[in-house]
């Protein structure tokens, strides 16, 4: 069995976890302020207080949870490579017309006219995906175009789907 190693960069950080039947690990925010406010259509890097190490056979893919996506909270990027040892930051975008607040101890009444997301809930999920080992070969454009393909050079919308 392969292992993923997590280190806490802050004592209050939460190591990602998952149930055996789940496909992804829950990842939690870890910041010092009482809350983080994200304005409409703004993207903010949310610290997690963790770093990691794992086999180069894998890549960590960061995705929305259903509970964050249903609240208009999106992830803008999401690849953590096996060799990265820095803190995990989650790029969170507020897709809502009102401010989004990730709050440590708040009720919706604490931030009127804002969407309040509880700090203690996971901010995203992490899928560990196996990375195939591929050999890169440079060929000419003519050789590439000679390779069989139904789509060929058809761009956006050309598949008809």
Protein backbone atom coordinates (compact mmCIF):
# COMPACT_ATOMS: atom_id res chain seq x y z
CA UNK A 1 0.00 0.00 0.00
CA UNK A 2 1.26 3.48 -0.87
CA UNK A 3 1.26 6.21 1.77
CA UNK A 4 0.59 9.92 1.72
CA UNK A 5 2.41 11.83 4.43
CA UNK A 6 1.01 15.06 5.87
CA UNK A 7 2.77 17.48 8.20
CA UNK A 8 1.04 20.16 10.23
CA UNK A 9 2.55 23.60 9.76
CA UNK A 10 0.26 24.95 12.50
CA UNK A 11 -0.90 23.10 15.59
CA UNK A 12 -4.57 23.74 14.81
CA UNK A 13 -4.35 22.36 11.25
CA UNK A 14 -6.44 19.30 10.45
CA UNK A 15 -4.85 16.41 8.59
CA UNK A 16 -7.04 15.46 5.59
CA UNK A 17 -9.15 12.38 6.15
CA UNK A 18 -11.65 10.15 4.41
CA UNK A 19 -13.80 7.16 5.13
CA UNK A 20 -12.85 3.88 3.47
CA UNK A 21 -15.84 4.13 1.12
CA UNK A 22 -15.12 7.74 0.07
CA UNK A 23 -13.14 8.56 -3.04
CA UNK A 24 -11.56 11.78 -1.80
CA UNK A 25 -9.95 13.29 1.29
CA UNK A 26 -11.61 16.23 3.04
CA UNK A 27 -9.30 19.26 3.28
CA UNK A 28 -9.82 22.04 5.85
CA UNK A 29 -8.95 25.73 6.01
CA UNK A 30 -6.46 26.86 8.65
CA UNK A 31 -6.00 30.60 9.19
CA UNK A 32 -5.38 32.94 12.13
CA UNK A 33 -8.06 35.56 11.47
CA UNK A 34 -11.60 35.11 12.85
CA UNK A 35 -12.90 34.98 9.26
CA UNK A 36 -11.98 35.36 5.59
CA UNK A 37 -14.27 37.40 3.36
CA UNK A 38 -14.32 36.75 -0.37
CA UNK A 39 -16.05 39.38 -2.48
CA UNK A 40 -18.31 38.40 -5.39
CA UNK A 41 -16.35 36.83 -8.27
CA UNK A 42 -13.08 37.19 -6.33
CA UNK A 43 -10.54 34.38 -5.90
CA UNK A 44 -8.61 34.11 -2.63
CA UNK A 45 -5.92 31.63 -1.57
CA UNK A 46 -7.08 29.89 1.60
CA UNK A 47 -4.28 28.35 3.71
CA UNK A 48 -4.65 24.82 5.05
CA UNK A 49 -1.72 24.65 7.49
CA UNK A 50 -0.53 21.36 5.96
CA UNK A 51 2.14 20.12 3.59
CA UNK A 52 2.61 16.69 2.06
CA UNK A 53 4.82 14.04 0.48
CA UNK A 54 3.68 11.09 -1.61
CA UNK A 55 4.84 8.82 -4.42
CA UNK A 56 5.49 10.31 -7.85
CA UNK A 57 3.04 7.67 -9.09
CA UNK A 58 0.28 10.05 -7.93
CA UNK A 59 -0.93 13.62 -8.17
CA UNK A 60 -3.33 15.32 -5.75
CA UNK A 61 -6.30 16.90 -7.56
CA UNK A 62 -8.26 19.55 -5.62
CA UNK A 63 -12.00 19.68 -6.33
CA UNK A 64 -15.15 21.23 -4.88
CA UNK A 65 -17.20 19.30 -2.39
CA UNK A 66 -20.92 19.08 -3.16
CA UNK A 67 -21.61 21.28 -0.11
CA UNK A 68 -19.23 24.01 -1.36
CA UNK A 69 -20.25 23.83 -5.00
CA UNK A 70 -23.94 24.12 -4.07
CA UNK A 71 -23.09 27.37 -2.24
CA UNK A 72 -21.33 28.88 -5.26
CA UNK A 73 -17.86 28.19 -3.88
CA UNK A 74 -15.49 27.05 -6.62
CA UNK A 75 -11.88 25.93 -6.89
CA UNK A 76 -9.82 27.70 -9.55
CA UNK A 77 -6.80 25.43 -9.69
CA UNK A 78 -6.14 22.06 -8.34
CA UNK A 79 -2.94 20.12 -8.90
CA UNK A 80 -0.48 19.37 -6.12
CA UNK A 81 2.56 17.49 -7.37
CA UNK A 82 4.29 14.76 -5.39
CA UNK A 83 7.50 16.79 -5.00
CA UNK A 84 5.84 19.93 -3.57
CA UNK A 85 6.66 20.36 0.12
CA UNK A 86 5.15 23.81 0.73
CA UNK A 87 1.85 24.66 2.37
CA UNK A 88 -1.29 23.66 0.52
CA UNK A 89 -3.32 26.74 -0.44
CA UNK A 90 -6.78 26.35 -1.90
CA UNK A 91 -7.79 28.89 -4.55
CA UNK A 92 -11.42 29.60 -3.66
CA UNK A 93 -13.65 31.64 -5.96
CA UNK A 94 -16.92 33.18 -4.82
CA UNK A 95 -19.31 32.74 -7.76
CA UNK A 96 -22.13 34.50 -5.90
CA UNK A 97 -23.46 38.07 -6.21
CA UNK A 98 -22.95 38.63 -2.46
CA UNK A 99 -19.81 38.28 -0.29
CA UNK A 100 -18.82 34.86 1.03
CA UNK A 101 -17.47 34.55 4.57
CA UNK A 102 -15.55 31.56 5.91
CA UNK A 103 -16.04 32.17 9.63
CA UNK A 104 -14.69 30.47 12.75
CA UNK A 105 -17.58 31.33 15.03
CA UNK A 106 -20.45 33.03 13.32
CA UNK A 107 -24.07 32.72 12.48
CA UNK A 108 -25.66 34.05 9.32
CA UNK A 109 -26.83 36.99 11.48
CA UNK A 110 -23.18 37.86 12.21
CA UNK A 111 -22.66 38.74 8.55
CA UNK A 112 -25.93 40.05 7.11
CA UNK A 113 -26.21 39.91 3.33
CA UNK A 114 -23.30 37.44 3.14
CA UNK A 115 -23.11 33.73 2.52
CA UNK A 116 -21.53 32.18 5.63
CA UNK A 117 -19.55 28.96 5.29
CA UNK A 118 -18.48 27.36 8.60
CA UNK A 119 -14.72 27.18 9.19
CA UNK A 120 -15.00 23.69 10.73
CA UNK A 121 -16.39 22.19 7.49
CA UNK A 122 -14.01 20.93 4.82
CA UNK A 123 -13.26 23.63 2.23
CA UNK A 124 -12.56 21.17 -0.62
CA UNK A 125 -11.67 17.58 -1.35
CA UNK A 126 -8.53 15.98 -2.68
CA UNK A 127 -8.46 13.06 -5.10
CA UNK A 128 -5.26 11.07 -5.38
CA UNK A 129 -4.96 10.11 -9.05
CA UNK A 130 -2.43 7.71 -10.51
CA UNK A 131 -0.18 9.34 -13.10
CA UNK A 132 0.78 7.12 -16.03
CA UNK A 133 4.46 7.03 -16.92
CA UNK A 134 4.70 8.23 -20.50
CA UNK A 135 7.65 8.64 -22.81
CA UNK A 136 7.74 11.94 -24.70
CA UNK A 137 8.62 11.76 -28.38
CA UNK A 138 8.85 14.76 -30.68
CA UNK A 139 7.53 14.24 -34.19
CA UNK A 140 6.81 16.52 -37.14
CA UNK A 141 3.43 18.17 -37.63
CA UNK A 142 2.93 16.10 -40.81
CA UNK A 143 3.55 12.86 -38.88
CA UNK A 144 1.07 13.98 -36.22
CA UNK A 145 -1.62 14.82 -38.79
CA UNK A 146 -1.08 11.44 -40.48
CA UNK A 147 -2.15 9.64 -37.28
CA UNK A 148 -5.73 8.34 -37.40
CA UNK A 149 -8.33 10.57 -35.72
CA UNK A 150 -12.07 11.09 -36.21
CA UNK A 151 -11.87 14.69 -35.02
CA UNK A 152 -8.60 15.79 -36.61
CA UNK A 153 -7.96 19.52 -36.15
CA UNK A 154 -11.60 20.36 -35.34
CA UNK A 155 -11.73 22.84 -32.45
CA UNK A 156 -14.42 24.00 -30.04
CA UNK A 157 -17.82 22.56 -30.86
CA UNK A 158 -16.60 20.47 -33.78
CA UNK A 159 -17.46 17.15 -32.12
CA UNK A 160 -21.16 17.96 -32.48
CA UNK A 161 -21.88 16.83 -28.93
